Amino acid sequence: MQIYVGNMNYRTTEEDINKLFSQYGEVESVKLISDRETGRAKGFGFVTMNDDSAAKEAIEALNEKEFEGRSLRINEAKPREERPRREY
């Protein structure tokens, strides 16, 4: 299951998130999103866990939990919607 993790502190690392979610089961991957042009963190990312019951437990336990000074928003990731490409 892919999990959306939002409202993160901009200094949070993939390792920090991996440690946080590993308390609930095996983490397959962590991907934090950064701005293409500046390289700065955008404050959200995705965690993939193979065990759906562990993923649901993590979502339940960590949603709205304060982590590094921010109240995390965590839920099951939705498929990305296609957006029209911008013309420059």
C-alpha atoms as a PDB file:
ATOM      1  CA  MET A   1       0.000   0.000   0.000  1.00  0.00           C
ATOM      2  CA  GLN A   2       1.220   3.474  -0.820  1.00  0.00           C
ATOM      3  CA  ILE A   3       0.740   6.019   1.972  1.00  0.00           C
ATOM      4  CA  TYR A   4       0.626   9.803   1.608  1.00  0.00           C
ATOM      5  CA  VAL A   5       2.516  11.709   4.320  1.00  0.00           C
ATOM      6  CA  GLY A   6       1.871  15.448   4.406  1.00  0.00           C
ATOM      7  CA  ASN A   7       2.514  18.548   6.508  1.00  0.00           C
ATOM      8  CA  MET A   8       6.071  17.446   7.264  1.00  0.00           C
ATOM      9  CA  ASN A   9       8.811  19.665   8.611  1.00  0.00           C
ATOM     10  CA  TYR A  10      10.936  20.735   5.627  1.00  0.00           C
ATOM     11  CA  ARG A  11      14.056  19.357   7.364  1.00  0.00           C
ATOM     12  CA  THR A  12      12.575  15.841   7.746  1.00  0.00           C
ATOM     13  CA  THR A  13      14.619  13.217   5.891  1.00  0.00           C
ATOM     14  CA  GLU A  14      13.653   9.944   4.219  1.00  0.00           C
ATOM     15  CA  GLU A  15      15.553   8.167   7.004  1.00  0.00           C
ATOM     16  CA  ASP A  16      13.428   9.938   9.658  1.00  0.00           C
ATOM     17  CA  ILE A  17      10.206   8.806   7.973  1.00  0.00           C
ATOM     18  CA  ASN A  18      11.540   5.275   7.465  1.00  0.00           C
ATOM     19  CA  LYS A  19      12.290   4.979  11.202  1.00  0.00           C
ATOM     20  CA  LEU A  20       8.848   6.349  12.094  1.00  0.00           C
ATOM     21  CA  PHE A  21       6.925   3.907   9.877  1.00  0.00           C
ATOM     22  CA  SER A  22       9.200   0.915  10.610  1.00  0.00           C
ATOM     23  CA  GLN A  23       7.656   0.785  14.083  1.00  0.00           C
ATOM     24  CA  TYR A  24       4.532  -0.657  12.407  1.00  0.00           C
ATOM     25  CA  GLY A  25       6.045  -3.019   9.830  1.00  0.00           C
ATOM     26  CA  GLU A  26       8.506  -3.340   6.978  1.00  0.00           C
ATOM     27  CA  VAL A  27       8.906  -0.221   4.855  1.00  0.00           C
ATOM     28  CA  GLU A  28       9.608  -0.966   1.200  1.00  0.00           C
ATOM     29  CA  SER A  29      10.388   2.615   0.177  1.00  0.00           C
ATOM     30  CA  VAL A  30      10.182   6.272   1.170  1.00  0.00           C
ATOM     31  CA  LYS A  31      10.072   9.107  -1.357  1.00  0.00           C
ATOM     32  CA  LEU A  32       9.999  12.723  -0.220  1.00  0.00           C
ATOM     33  CA  ILE A  33       8.976  15.234  -2.866  1.00  0.00           C
ATOM     34  CA  SER A  34      11.130  18.261  -3.630  1.00  0.00           C
ATOM     35  CA  ASP A  35      10.778  21.204  -5.986  1.00  0.00           C
ATOM     36  CA  ARG A  36      12.328  20.439  -9.392  1.00  0.00           C
ATOM     37  CA  GLU A  37      13.839  23.873  -9.807  1.00  0.00           C
ATOM     38  CA  THR A  38      15.075  24.693  -6.305  1.00  0.00           C
ATOM     39  CA  GLY A  39      15.573  21.203  -4.852  1.00  0.00           C
ATOM     40  CA  ARG A  40      13.841  22.321  -1.643  1.00  0.00           C
ATOM     41  CA  ALA A  41      11.495  19.953   0.158  1.00  0.00           C
ATOM     42  CA  LYS A  42       7.783  20.470  -0.438  1.00  0.00           C
ATOM     43  CA  GLY A  43       6.754  19.008   2.923  1.00  0.00           C
ATOM     44  CA  PHE A  44       5.121  15.809   1.698  1.00  0.00           C
ATOM     45  CA  GLY A  45       6.022  12.386   0.411  1.00  0.00           C
ATOM     46  CA  PHE A  46       5.035   8.749   0.073  1.00  0.00           C
ATOM     47  CA  VAL A  47       5.781   5.573   2.000  1.00  0.00           C
ATOM     48  CA  THR A  48       5.251   2.113   0.510  1.00  0.00           C
ATOM     49  CA  MET A  49       4.532  -0.842   2.792  1.00  0.00           C
ATOM     50  CA  ASN A  50       3.808  -4.340   1.428  1.00  0.00           C
ATOM     51  CA  ASP A  51       1.672  -5.459   4.389  1.00  0.00           C
ATOM     52  CA  ASP A  52      -1.689  -3.672   4.092  1.00  0.00           C
ATOM     53  CA  SER A  53      -2.659  -4.354   7.718  1.00  0.00           C
ATOM     54  CA  ALA A  54       0.637  -2.857   8.959  1.00  0.00           C
ATOM     55  CA  ALA A  55       0.108   0.135   6.643  1.00  0.00           C
ATOM     56  CA  LYS A  56      -3.410   0.700   7.985  1.00  0.00           C
ATOM     57  CA  GLU A  57      -2.107   0.441  11.554  1.00  0.00           C
ATOM     58  CA  ALA A  58       0.577   3.042  10.764  1.00  0.00           C
ATOM     59  CA  ILE A  59      -1.987   5.391   9.191  1.00  0.00           C
ATOM     60  CA  GLU A  60      -4.286   5.067  12.207  1.00  0.00           C
ATOM     61  CA  ALA A  61      -1.464   5.608  14.709  1.00  0.00           C
ATOM     62  CA  LEU A  62       0.412   8.417  12.944  1.00  0.00           C
ATOM     63  CA  ASN A  63      -2.308  10.583  11.367  1.00  0.00           C
ATOM     64  CA  GLU A  64      -2.479  13.930  13.234  1.00  0.00           C
ATOM     65  CA  LYS A  65       0.561  12.906  15.336  1.00  0.00           C
ATOM     66  CA  GLU A  66       3.084  15.645  16.023  1.00  0.00           C
ATOM     67  CA  PHE A  67       6.469  14.857  14.469  1.00  0.00           C
ATOM     68  CA  GLU A  68       9.365  17.312  14.388  1.00  0.00           C
ATOM     69  CA  GLY A  69       7.052  20.165  15.355  1.00  0.00           C
ATOM     70  CA  ARG A  70       4.350  19.518  12.743  1.00  0.00           C
ATOM     71  CA  SER A  71       1.036  17.633  12.925  1.00  0.00           C
ATOM     72  CA  LEU A  72       1.341  14.987  10.188  1.00  0.00           C
ATOM     73  CA  ARG A  73      -1.479  14.267   7.743  1.00  0.00           C
ATOM     74  CA  ILE A  74      -1.361  10.622   6.751  1.00  0.00           C
ATOM     75  CA  ASN A  75      -3.722   8.572   4.593  1.00  0.00           C
ATOM     76  CA  GLU A  76      -3.792   6.012   1.827  1.00  0.00           C
ATOM     77  CA  ALA A  77      -2.390   7.609  -1.316  1.00  0.00           C
ATOM     78  CA  LYS A  78      -4.812   8.189  -4.168  1.00  0.00           C
ATOM     79  CA  PRO A  79      -3.773   7.628  -7.778  1.00  0.00           C
ATOM     80  CA  ARG A  80      -2.298  10.742  -9.328  1.00  0.00           C
ATOM     81  CA  GLU A  81      -4.755  12.627 -11.491  1.00  0.00           C
ATOM     82  CA  GLU A  82      -3.672  13.533 -14.980  1.00  0.00           C
ATOM     83  CA  ARG A  83      -3.186  17.259 -15.339  1.00  0.00           C
ATOM     84  CA  PRO A  84      -2.938  19.097 -18.631  1.00  0.00           C
ATOM     85  CA  ARG A  85       0.650  19.947 -19.499  1.00  0.00           C
ATOM     86  CA  ARG A  86       1.506  23.624 -19.356  1.00  0.00           C
ATOM     87  CA  GLU A  87       2.702  25.250 -22.539  1.00  0.00           C
ATOM     88  CA  TYR A  88       5.509  27.777 -22.189  1.00  0.00           C
END
